[in-house]
Protein backbone atom coordinates (compact mmCIF):
# COMPACT_ATOMS: atom_id res chain seq x y z
CA MET A 1 6.02 -2.73 65.79
CA LYS A 2 6.46 1.01 64.30
CA ASN A 3 4.59 2.28 61.83
CA ASN A 4 1.81 -0.67 62.72
CA ARG A 5 -0.91 2.22 63.24
CA ASN A 6 -0.35 3.34 59.64
CA ILE A 7 -0.45 -0.10 58.76
CA ILE A 8 -4.10 -0.31 60.61
CA THR A 9 -5.35 2.38 59.17
CA LYS A 10 -4.32 1.59 54.78
CA ILE A 11 -6.21 -2.25 55.82
CA MET A 12 -9.30 0.13 57.05
CA ASP A 13 -9.39 0.97 53.63
CA PHE A 14 -9.43 -2.23 51.33
CA ILE A 15 -12.83 -1.84 49.58
CA GLY A 16 -13.35 1.31 47.29
CA ILE A 17 -16.54 2.93 45.68
CA CYS A 18 -17.39 2.11 41.86
CA ASN A 19 -19.66 4.79 40.71
CA PHE A 20 -20.15 3.07 37.57
CA LYS A 21 -23.78 1.34 36.58
CA PRO A 22 -24.77 -0.21 33.68
CA LYS A 23 -28.26 0.54 33.30
CA LYS A 24 -30.52 -2.13 32.49
CA GLY A 25 -33.32 -1.95 29.68
CA ALA A 26 -36.34 -2.81 28.12
CA ILE A 27 -35.65 -4.62 25.03
CA ASP A 28 -37.65 -3.34 21.97
CA MET A 29 -39.66 -6.37 21.62
CA ASP A 30 -42.04 -4.50 19.44
CA LEU A 31 -39.20 -3.73 16.54
CA ILE A 32 -38.32 -7.81 17.63
CA THR A 33 -41.82 -8.78 17.01
CA LYS A 34 -42.29 -7.03 13.87
CA LEU A 35 -39.33 -8.36 12.64
CA ASN A 36 -39.55 -12.38 13.39
CA ASN A 37 -43.30 -11.86 12.09
CA PHE A 38 -41.97 -10.82 8.73
CA VAL A 39 -38.96 -12.80 8.83
CA MET A 40 -40.99 -16.37 9.84
CA GLY A 41 -42.85 -15.22 6.43
CA MET A 42 -40.15 -16.57 4.89
CA GLY A 43 -40.82 -20.48 5.61
CA ILE A 44 -36.92 -20.87 6.61
CA ASP A 45 -34.85 -21.81 9.65
CA TYR A 46 -33.68 -18.14 11.06
CA ALA A 47 -32.01 -16.93 14.32
CA ILE A 48 -32.08 -13.65 15.09
CA CYS A 49 -28.41 -12.46 15.88
CA GLY A 50 -25.73 -9.65 16.36
CA GLY A 51 -26.32 -7.65 19.66
CA HIS A 52 -30.27 -7.97 19.87
CA ALA A 53 -29.55 -11.62 20.30
CA ILE A 54 -26.92 -10.64 23.40
CA ASP A 55 -29.90 -8.83 24.65
CA LEU A 56 -32.85 -11.77 23.94
CA PHE A 57 -30.29 -14.05 25.87
CA LEU A 58 -29.89 -11.41 29.07
CA GLY A 59 -33.20 -10.52 29.20
CA HIS A 60 -32.16 -7.35 29.06
CA LYS A 61 -31.24 -4.74 26.85
CA THR A 62 -27.30 -3.67 27.10
CA ARG A 63 -26.74 -1.19 24.50
CA PRO A 64 -28.00 0.52 21.48
CA HIS A 65 -28.18 -1.03 18.11
CA LYS A 66 -28.31 0.44 14.78
CA ASP A 67 -28.87 -2.84 12.80
CA LEU A 68 -31.40 -5.86 13.03
CA ASP A 69 -29.12 -9.07 12.07
CA VAL A 70 -30.42 -11.89 11.13
CA VAL A 71 -29.00 -16.49 10.65
CA VAL A 72 -30.38 -17.75 7.34
CA PHE A 73 -28.58 -20.60 5.08
CA TRP A 74 -26.65 -20.81 2.41
CA GLU A 75 -29.44 -23.30 0.54
CA ASP A 76 -32.38 -20.14 1.08
CA ARG A 77 -30.40 -17.71 -0.42
CA ASP A 78 -32.73 -16.98 -3.62
CA LYS A 79 -35.56 -17.74 -1.66
CA VAL A 80 -34.71 -15.03 0.73
CA ILE A 81 -33.95 -12.06 -1.69
CA GLN A 82 -37.17 -13.18 -4.01
CA TYR A 83 -39.32 -12.86 -0.84
CA MET A 84 -37.47 -9.22 -0.14
CA LEU A 85 -37.30 -7.96 -3.59
CA ASN A 86 -41.70 -8.78 -3.53
CA ASP A 87 -41.58 -7.19 -0.30
CA GLY A 88 -40.29 -4.13 -2.42
CA TRP A 89 -37.52 -3.95 -0.13
CA GLU A 90 -33.82 -2.69 -2.37
CA ILE A 91 -30.96 -5.20 -1.45
CA TYR A 92 -27.39 -5.15 -2.02
CA GLU A 93 -24.75 -7.49 -1.66
CA PRO A 94 -20.92 -6.23 -0.22
CA CYS A 95 -17.87 -7.15 -2.66
CA GLY A 96 -15.01 -5.53 -1.00
CA MET A 97 -13.33 -2.33 -1.28
CA GLU A 98 -16.45 -0.73 0.14
CA HIS A 99 -18.24 -1.05 -2.89
CA LEU A 100 -21.56 -3.28 -3.05
CA HIS A 101 -24.07 -5.15 -5.50
CA LYS A 102 -27.27 -3.99 -6.16
CA ILE A 103 -29.27 -7.11 -7.19
CA ASN A 104 -32.66 -6.37 -8.93
CA ASN A 105 -33.08 -10.37 -9.40
CA ILE A 106 -31.60 -13.73 -7.75
CA HIS A 107 -30.03 -14.38 -10.68
CA ASN A 108 -28.01 -11.27 -11.41
CA GLN A 109 -25.73 -12.03 -7.83
CA LYS A 110 -21.98 -11.81 -7.44
CA ARG A 111 -22.22 -13.87 -4.57
CA ALA A 112 -18.25 -12.03 -3.06
CA LYS A 113 -19.83 -12.03 0.49
CA SER A 114 -21.78 -14.20 3.28
CA ASN A 115 -24.29 -11.50 3.54
CA ILE A 116 -26.58 -8.66 1.97
CA TRP A 117 -28.32 -5.61 3.12
CA CYS A 118 -31.58 -5.20 2.95
CA VAL A 119 -33.06 -1.09 2.85
CA ARG A 120 -36.47 0.09 2.52
CA PRO A 121 -36.73 2.50 -0.37
CA ASN A 122 -35.86 6.49 1.07
CA ASN A 123 -34.45 4.35 4.96
CA PRO A 124 -33.35 7.88 5.95
CA HIS A 125 -30.23 6.50 8.26
CA TYR A 126 -28.57 4.80 4.60
CA THR A 127 -27.05 6.90 1.05
CA PHE A 128 -26.32 5.29 -1.78
CA THR A 129 -24.28 6.70 -3.81
CA GLU A 130 -24.13 4.85 -7.76
CA GLN A 131 -20.45 4.08 -8.83
CA GLY A 132 -21.17 2.15 -11.88
CA VAL A 133 -23.44 -0.10 -13.57
CA ASP A 134 -25.95 -1.52 -10.24
CA MET A 135 -22.29 -1.04 -8.30
CA PHE A 136 -22.72 1.43 -5.01
CA ALA A 137 -20.87 3.24 -2.39
CA VAL A 138 -22.98 4.18 1.17
CA GLU A 139 -23.31 6.09 4.05
CA PHE A 140 -25.06 6.12 6.93
CA ASP A 141 -24.99 7.79 10.46
CA ASN A 142 -24.77 4.64 12.93
CA SER A 143 -27.49 5.84 14.76
CA GLU A 144 -30.00 3.64 16.92
CA GLN A 145 -32.26 1.47 15.15
CA THR A 146 -35.78 1.80 15.69
CA ASP A 147 -37.96 0.73 12.55
CA LEU A 148 -37.82 -2.55 10.55
CA ASP A 149 -36.64 -0.38 7.83
CA TYR A 150 -32.78 -2.37 7.46
CA ILE A 151 -32.26 -5.91 7.60
CA GLU A 152 -28.88 -7.79 7.25
CA PHE A 153 -29.15 -11.23 6.56
CA LEU A 154 -25.64 -13.17 7.05
CA PHE A 155 -25.80 -16.84 5.13
CA ASN A 156 -24.52 -19.73 6.97
CA THR A 157 -23.85 -23.30 6.59
CA ARG A 158 -25.51 -26.67 7.31
CA ASN A 159 -24.28 -29.89 7.49
CA GLY A 160 -26.66 -32.21 8.88
CA GLU A 161 -27.26 -31.59 12.67
CA ASP A 162 -24.19 -29.05 12.72
CA PHE A 163 -24.19 -25.57 12.54
CA LEU A 164 -20.81 -24.77 10.37
CA TYR A 165 -19.17 -21.30 11.73
CA ALA A 166 -18.38 -19.44 8.79
CA ARG A 167 -14.77 -18.64 8.69
CA ASN A 168 -13.70 -22.19 9.59
CA HIS A 169 -16.35 -24.90 9.14
CA ASP A 170 -13.84 -26.94 11.48
CA VAL A 171 -15.74 -24.74 14.14
CA LYS A 172 -19.30 -26.06 14.92
CA MET A 173 -22.40 -26.89 16.93
CA LYS A 174 -24.89 -28.76 17.32
CA LEU A 175 -28.01 -27.04 15.62
CA LYS A 176 -30.41 -27.99 18.57
CA ALA A 177 -27.84 -26.43 20.76
CA VAL A 178 -26.75 -22.84 18.20
CA ILE A 179 -30.26 -22.02 17.96
CA LEU A 180 -32.44 -20.97 21.09
CA LYS A 181 -35.93 -18.88 21.84
CA SER A 182 -37.00 -16.41 23.73
CA LYS A 183 -40.70 -16.19 23.69
CA ASP A 184 -40.60 -18.27 20.61
CA ILE A 185 -38.10 -15.89 18.92
CA PRO A 186 -35.00 -17.69 17.86
CA TYR A 187 -31.89 -15.85 18.41
CA LEU A 188 -28.20 -17.09 17.14
CA ALA A 189 -26.12 -18.26 20.90
CA PRO A 190 -24.43 -16.53 22.76
CA GLU A 191 -20.87 -18.17 22.59
CA MET A 192 -21.24 -18.61 19.10
CA VAL A 193 -22.28 -15.04 18.11
CA LEU A 194 -19.32 -13.62 20.22
CA LEU A 195 -16.83 -15.88 18.00
CA TYR A 196 -17.79 -13.65 14.77
CA LYS A 197 -17.66 -10.56 17.19
CA SER A 198 -13.72 -11.74 17.91
CA THR A 199 -12.31 -10.66 14.87
CA ALA A 200 -13.27 -6.95 15.93
CA ASP A 201 -12.43 -7.07 19.59
CA SER A 202 -11.18 -3.44 19.92
CA GLU A 203 -14.90 -2.61 18.82
CA ALA A 204 -15.99 -1.16 22.13
CA ALA A 205 -19.50 -2.39 21.25
CA TYR A 206 -18.49 -5.53 21.02
CA GLN A 207 -15.84 -5.55 24.02
CA LEU A 208 -19.64 -4.12 26.10
CA ASP A 209 -20.93 -7.65 24.35
CA PHE A 210 -18.54 -9.75 25.76
CA GLU A 211 -18.15 -8.46 29.08
CA ASN A 212 -22.21 -8.28 29.56
CA THR A 213 -22.80 -12.17 28.53
CA LEU A 214 -19.29 -14.18 30.19
CA PRO A 215 -20.95 -13.84 33.28
CA LYS A 216 -24.16 -15.43 32.11
CA LEU A 217 -22.71 -18.40 29.96
CA SER A 218 -22.42 -21.95 31.33
CA ASN A 219 -19.73 -23.66 31.88
CA GLU A 220 -20.56 -25.71 28.42
CA GLN A 221 -20.56 -22.33 26.93
CA LEU A 222 -17.61 -21.21 28.10
CA CYS A 223 -15.85 -24.16 27.57
CA TRP A 224 -16.76 -24.42 23.73
CA LEU A 225 -15.97 -20.49 23.12
CA LYS A 226 -12.73 -20.89 24.56
CA ASN A 227 -12.23 -23.88 22.26
CA ALA A 228 -13.44 -21.95 19.26
CA LEU A 229 -11.24 -18.78 20.35
CA CYS A 230 -8.01 -21.76 20.19
CA THR A 231 -8.62 -22.88 17.00
CA MET A 232 -9.57 -19.05 15.49
CA PHE A 233 -6.50 -17.35 17.23
CA PRO A 234 -3.48 -19.86 17.49
CA LYS A 235 -1.39 -17.11 18.88
CA GLY A 236 -4.31 -15.69 21.61
CA HIS A 237 -6.79 -13.13 21.72
CA ARG A 238 -7.64 -11.57 24.53
CA TRP A 239 -10.61 -12.93 25.16
CA ARG A 240 -8.78 -16.28 25.58
CA ASN A 241 -7.56 -15.34 29.40
CA ALA A 242 -11.04 -13.80 30.10
CA ILE A 243 -12.82 -17.27 29.32
CA LYS A 244 -10.19 -19.09 31.18
CA VAL A 245 -10.48 -17.34 34.31
CA ALA A 246 -14.51 -17.40 34.37
CA ILE A 247 -14.40 -21.89 33.67
CA PRO A 248 -15.31 -22.93 37.08
CA ASP A 249 -12.47 -24.88 39.57
CA PHE A 250 -12.59 -25.82 42.56
CA PRO A 251 -12.14 -23.95 45.89
CA SER A 252 -8.78 -22.22 46.62
CA PRO A 253 -7.73 -21.64 50.35
CA PHE A 254 -7.09 -18.70 51.95
CA GLY A 255 -7.99 -16.61 55.03
CA TYR A 256 -4.78 -14.70 56.15
CA LYS A 257 -4.71 -10.55 55.58
CA VAL A 258 -8.16 -10.36 54.60
CA CYS A 259 -11.44 -10.22 56.00
CA TRP A 260 -14.47 -12.23 54.53
CA TYR A 261 -18.34 -12.76 55.62
CA ALA A 262 -19.77 -16.34 55.03
CA ILE A 263 -23.45 -15.84 54.89
CA LYS A 264 -26.40 -18.32 54.46
CA ASN A 265 -28.76 -19.58 52.70
CA GLU A 266 -28.08 -17.36 49.56
CA THR A 267 -26.91 -17.56 46.13
CA PRO A 268 -23.87 -15.15 44.61
CA HIS A 269 -27.07 -13.04 42.74
CA SER A 270 -28.59 -12.53 46.10
CA VAL A 271 -25.69 -11.19 47.62
CA ILE A 272 -24.42 -9.18 44.90
CA GLU A 273 -28.10 -7.96 44.91
CA LYS A 274 -28.43 -7.49 49.10
CA LEU A 275 -24.98 -5.81 49.28
CA ASN A 276 -25.43 -3.05 46.26
CA LEU A 277 -22.34 -4.73 44.54
CA LYS A 278 -21.75 -3.98 41.14
CA VAL A 279 -19.95 -7.53 39.15
CA VAL A 280 -16.78 -6.35 37.27
CA ARG A 281 -16.46 -10.08 35.40
CA ALA A 282 -17.09 -13.78 36.08
CA SER A 283 -14.10 -15.27 38.15
CA ASN A 284 -12.74 -18.72 38.95
CA TRP A 285 -11.59 -19.71 42.57
CA GLU A 286 -8.70 -19.27 41.89
CA ASP A 287 -8.91 -16.35 39.75
CA GLY A 288 -10.59 -15.02 42.09
CA ILE A 289 -8.43 -15.08 45.17
CA ASN A 290 -5.58 -14.25 43.88
CA TYR A 291 -7.30 -11.37 42.61
CA ILE A 292 -8.46 -9.56 45.41
CA TYR A 293 -4.86 -10.18 47.29
CA ASP A 294 -3.36 -8.49 44.39
CA SER A 295 -5.86 -5.71 44.07
CA ARG A 296 -7.54 -4.31 47.45
CA ASP A 297 -10.63 -2.86 45.84
CA PHE A 298 -11.89 -5.87 44.42
CA ILE A 299 -14.57 -8.56 46.29
CA PHE A 300 -14.56 -12.01 45.48
CA VAL A 301 -18.46 -13.20 46.11
CA SER A 302 -17.69 -17.12 45.69
CA PRO A 303 -20.34 -19.56 44.69
CA GLN A 304 -21.84 -21.27 46.85
CA VAL A 305 -19.48 -23.49 49.23
CA GLU A 306 -20.42 -26.01 52.10
CA GLY A 307 -24.42 -24.03 52.11
CA TYR A 308 -22.56 -20.32 52.47
CA ILE A 309 -21.61 -17.72 50.27
CA LEU A 310 -18.30 -15.75 50.37
CA VAL A 311 -17.92 -12.49 50.54
CA ILE A 312 -14.03 -11.88 50.17
CA ASN A 313 -11.96 -9.18 51.16
CA VAL A 314 -14.65 -7.13 53.03
CA ARG A 315 -13.67 -4.24 54.75
CA PRO A 316 -12.66 -4.47 58.09
CA ASP A 317 -14.66 -3.09 60.68
CA ASN A 318 -13.55 -2.25 64.22
CA GLU A 319 -16.93 0.32 64.28
CA HIS A 320 -18.89 -2.57 64.07
CA ASP A 321 -21.81 -0.42 62.61
CA ILE A 322 -21.20 -2.11 59.14
CA VAL A 323 -21.28 -6.06 59.92
CA LYS A 324 -24.47 -5.25 61.87
CA GLY A 325 -26.31 -3.17 59.27
CA HIS A 326 -25.41 -5.74 57.02
CA ALA A 327 -26.44 -8.73 58.99
CA LEU A 328 -29.98 -7.11 58.98
CA LEU A 329 -29.96 -8.48 55.50
CA PHE A 330 -29.06 -11.95 55.52
CA GLU A 331 -30.28 -15.23 57.69
CA GLU A 332 -27.42 -15.87 58.76
CA LEU A 333 -23.95 -13.37 58.34
CA GLN A 334 -20.79 -14.75 59.71
CA TYR A 335 -17.45 -12.01 59.94
CA PHE A 336 -14.22 -13.08 59.97
CA GLY A 337 -11.13 -11.05 59.54
CA THR A 338 -7.52 -11.48 60.25
CA HIS A 339 -3.31 -9.51 59.88
CA ARG A 340 -0.89 -10.50 61.37
CA VAL A 341 0.82 -7.95 61.30
CA VAL A 342 -1.12 -5.55 63.55
CA GLU A 343 -2.63 -8.87 65.29
CA TYR A 344 -5.51 -7.96 64.14
CA ASN A 345 -8.03 -11.21 64.90
CA ALA A 346 -11.88 -11.22 64.65
CA TRP A 347 -15.13 -13.28 64.36
CA ALA A 348 -18.30 -12.22 65.11
CA LYS A 349 -21.91 -14.15 64.10
CA PHE A 350 -25.48 -13.07 63.83
CA ALA A 351 -28.54 -14.97 62.81
CA ASP A 352 -31.66 -12.98 61.56
CA GLY A 353 -29.84 -9.73 62.53
CA LYS A 354 -29.10 -10.69 66.06
CA ILE A 355 -26.30 -10.81 67.52
CA ILE A 356 -24.70 -14.54 68.87
CA ARG A 357 -21.11 -13.55 69.65
CA SER A 358 -18.21 -10.91 67.56
CA TYR A 359 -14.71 -10.80 69.75
CA CYS A 360 -12.47 -8.73 67.90
CA TYR A 361 -8.34 -8.28 69.24
CA ILE A 362 -5.78 -6.32 68.37
CA GLY A 363 -2.71 -7.04 69.25
CA ASP A 364 -0.38 -4.03 67.57
CA ARG A 365 -3.25 -1.70 70.13
CA GLY A 366 -3.26 -4.10 73.40
CA GLU A 367 -7.16 -3.62 72.79
CA ILE A 368 -10.13 -6.32 72.70
CA THR A 369 -12.57 -3.61 70.33
CA TRP A 370 -15.05 -5.94 70.33
CA CYS A 371 -16.63 -8.74 73.18
CA GLU A 372 -20.97 -9.36 72.81
CA GLY A 373 -22.10 -12.46 73.50
CA HIS A 374 -21.79 -15.48 75.09
CA ALA A 375 -18.85 -18.05 73.99
CA THR A 376 -20.03 -20.47 71.62
CA ASP A 377 -19.92 -23.70 71.78
CA GLU A 378 -17.22 -24.17 69.04
CA GLU A 379 -14.76 -21.77 70.48
CA ILE A 380 -14.71 -23.80 74.08
CA SER A 381 -13.79 -26.89 72.33
CA LEU A 382 -11.46 -24.29 70.64
CA GLY A 383 -10.47 -23.45 74.28
CA PHE A 384 -11.11 -19.88 73.26
CA ASP A 385 -12.61 -19.01 76.77
CA LYS A 386 -8.63 -18.28 77.53
CA PHE A 387 -8.92 -15.66 75.57
CA PRO A 388 -9.50 -11.77 77.11
CA SER A 389 -13.11 -10.59 76.66
CA SER A 390 -11.63 -6.71 77.66
CA THR A 391 -8.84 -4.42 77.37
CA ASP A 392 -8.75 -4.44 81.14
CA GLU A 393 -7.49 -8.01 81.38
CA ILE A 394 -4.87 -7.50 79.37
CA LEU A 395 -3.31 -4.43 80.97
CA SER A 396 -3.63 -6.32 84.14
CA GLU A 397 -0.28 -7.17 85.44
CA ASP A 398 -0.83 -10.50 85.87
CA PHE A 399 -2.32 -11.04 82.45
CA ASP A 400 -0.58 -14.04 80.12
CA HIS A 401 -0.13 -12.13 76.83
CA GLU A 402 -0.04 -16.15 75.20
CA ASN A 403 -3.26 -15.74 76.00
CA THR A 404 -4.31 -14.02 72.82
CA PRO A 405 -6.30 -14.89 69.73
CA ASN A 406 -4.32 -15.64 66.04
CA GLU A 407 -5.21 -16.17 62.82
CA GLU A 408 -4.96 -19.87 63.01
CA ASP A 409 -7.48 -19.53 65.71
CA VAL A 410 -9.93 -17.41 63.31
CA LEU A 411 -9.70 -20.42 60.57
CA ASN A 412 -10.37 -22.65 62.68
CA ILE A 413 -13.50 -20.55 64.26
CA ALA A 414 -14.07 -20.35 61.11
CA LYS A 415 -14.03 -24.21 60.16
CA SER A 416 -16.29 -24.96 63.46
CA TRP A 417 -18.90 -22.14 62.56
CA GLY A 418 -19.39 -23.74 58.65
CA VAL A 419 -16.36 -22.81 56.10
CA ASP A 420 -13.09 -24.36 56.27
CA THR A 421 -11.33 -21.90 54.42
CA ARG A 422 -8.21 -24.44 53.95
CA PHE A 423 -10.47 -26.55 52.12
CA GLU A 424 -8.16 -29.08 53.43
CA CYS A 425 -11.17 -31.70 54.11
CA GLY A 426 -14.99 -32.49 52.11
CA THR A 427 -15.74 -33.02 49.16
CA TYR A 428 -16.23 -29.43 46.81
CA GLU A 429 -18.37 -28.81 44.02
CA LYS A 430 -16.21 -26.64 41.04
CA GLY A 431 -17.66 -23.02 40.74
CA THR A 432 -17.49 -19.69 39.74
CA GLY A 433 -18.26 -16.22 41.11
CA PHE A 434 -17.50 -12.85 40.75
CA ILE A 435 -14.99 -10.08 41.30
CA CYS A 436 -17.40 -7.15 42.11
CA LYS A 437 -17.01 -3.37 43.37
CA GLY A 438 -19.61 -1.42 45.18
CA ASP A 439 -21.11 0.57 47.58
CA MET A 440 -21.60 -1.07 49.87
CA TYR A 441 -20.62 0.20 52.84
CA ASP A 442 -22.93 3.13 51.94
CA LEU A 443 -25.20 2.18 54.85
């Protein structure tokens, strides 16, 4: 058992501290409402898109936005342009090679691209330089837009009840699914917004939009986006694998060389909040279990299974203060841990913060480090009453060292108390959890 003391020291430091704390701000509803009321006056179908659509979907502001984007349809193009001209806006249409054509009336259009830029005269953030007859170059400062002085309209095609993706009409969504509403403000579905952003995924802002949105997408939305990306990027796209591992699957077995909580009557989000964790990304069972075994600095918070949320890859707690602190946060918390190299085998059960039963045996040390409460009926049924209740029993000359727990015993009591982490029996539902980091040990 050489170097086992070093090993147990290492397993006591499974989880790192993550200083990254994404900030959630309030959506600028004053600006969004002004935009919505203004465009509503056109009497056409429309939807706010871009980063603001992501914010409306998530319910909070994720980052600064440098422009306002609105999806409209090709058949309304002339109506949009005339409406904007009548209200005194300057209108430019991109023509490629960083050139813009100024539209002075609806009969003077090149229609080279599927978007137009509408700018209030004397907008301080945009500078247009004439390059020929009605042709301009533009410079802009990329600052956050705070006034209704710029709108980009993006023209799309619809066919019957379908919204057709502009870059490939074989990719489509039902109109009733692609235009959602938040407080009666229409916005483009996040999966369609992300598909448009996928062509420039190297932009940090677009990658942030993807990472913020992914955990909140439904299974249907995830599958649609994955299939759309497969169509548009048959040779691969870095978002495809992230979506693949977020699609719900059946529980994956675990329990060896790992510690975990089983927390009753909670949701993944409530557990994440109470334990002060930060979501890294959405993850299904297979990916989550594999990830925490490959990278011990992360935690997998499972979807609900048999009435419990499993928090997998928590820190082994020989001092018991941490798990006792966490138990105060929940109606019922169970703790389990195994590590065969050092013969670390532990289980504990709390109700309303009070300890019902705990036991921890570390064979490498020949110690019982935790033994509180009476053996439960489930333990007695499993024959656990033969296990020593103190280190003194182990040190006695007549002690039979076969009467000590192993990792299979830990998995058996986990099953008897609530969740069989072998997942050998029972009917389970597909689900998605979260890869997390955080300072859950800073009590």
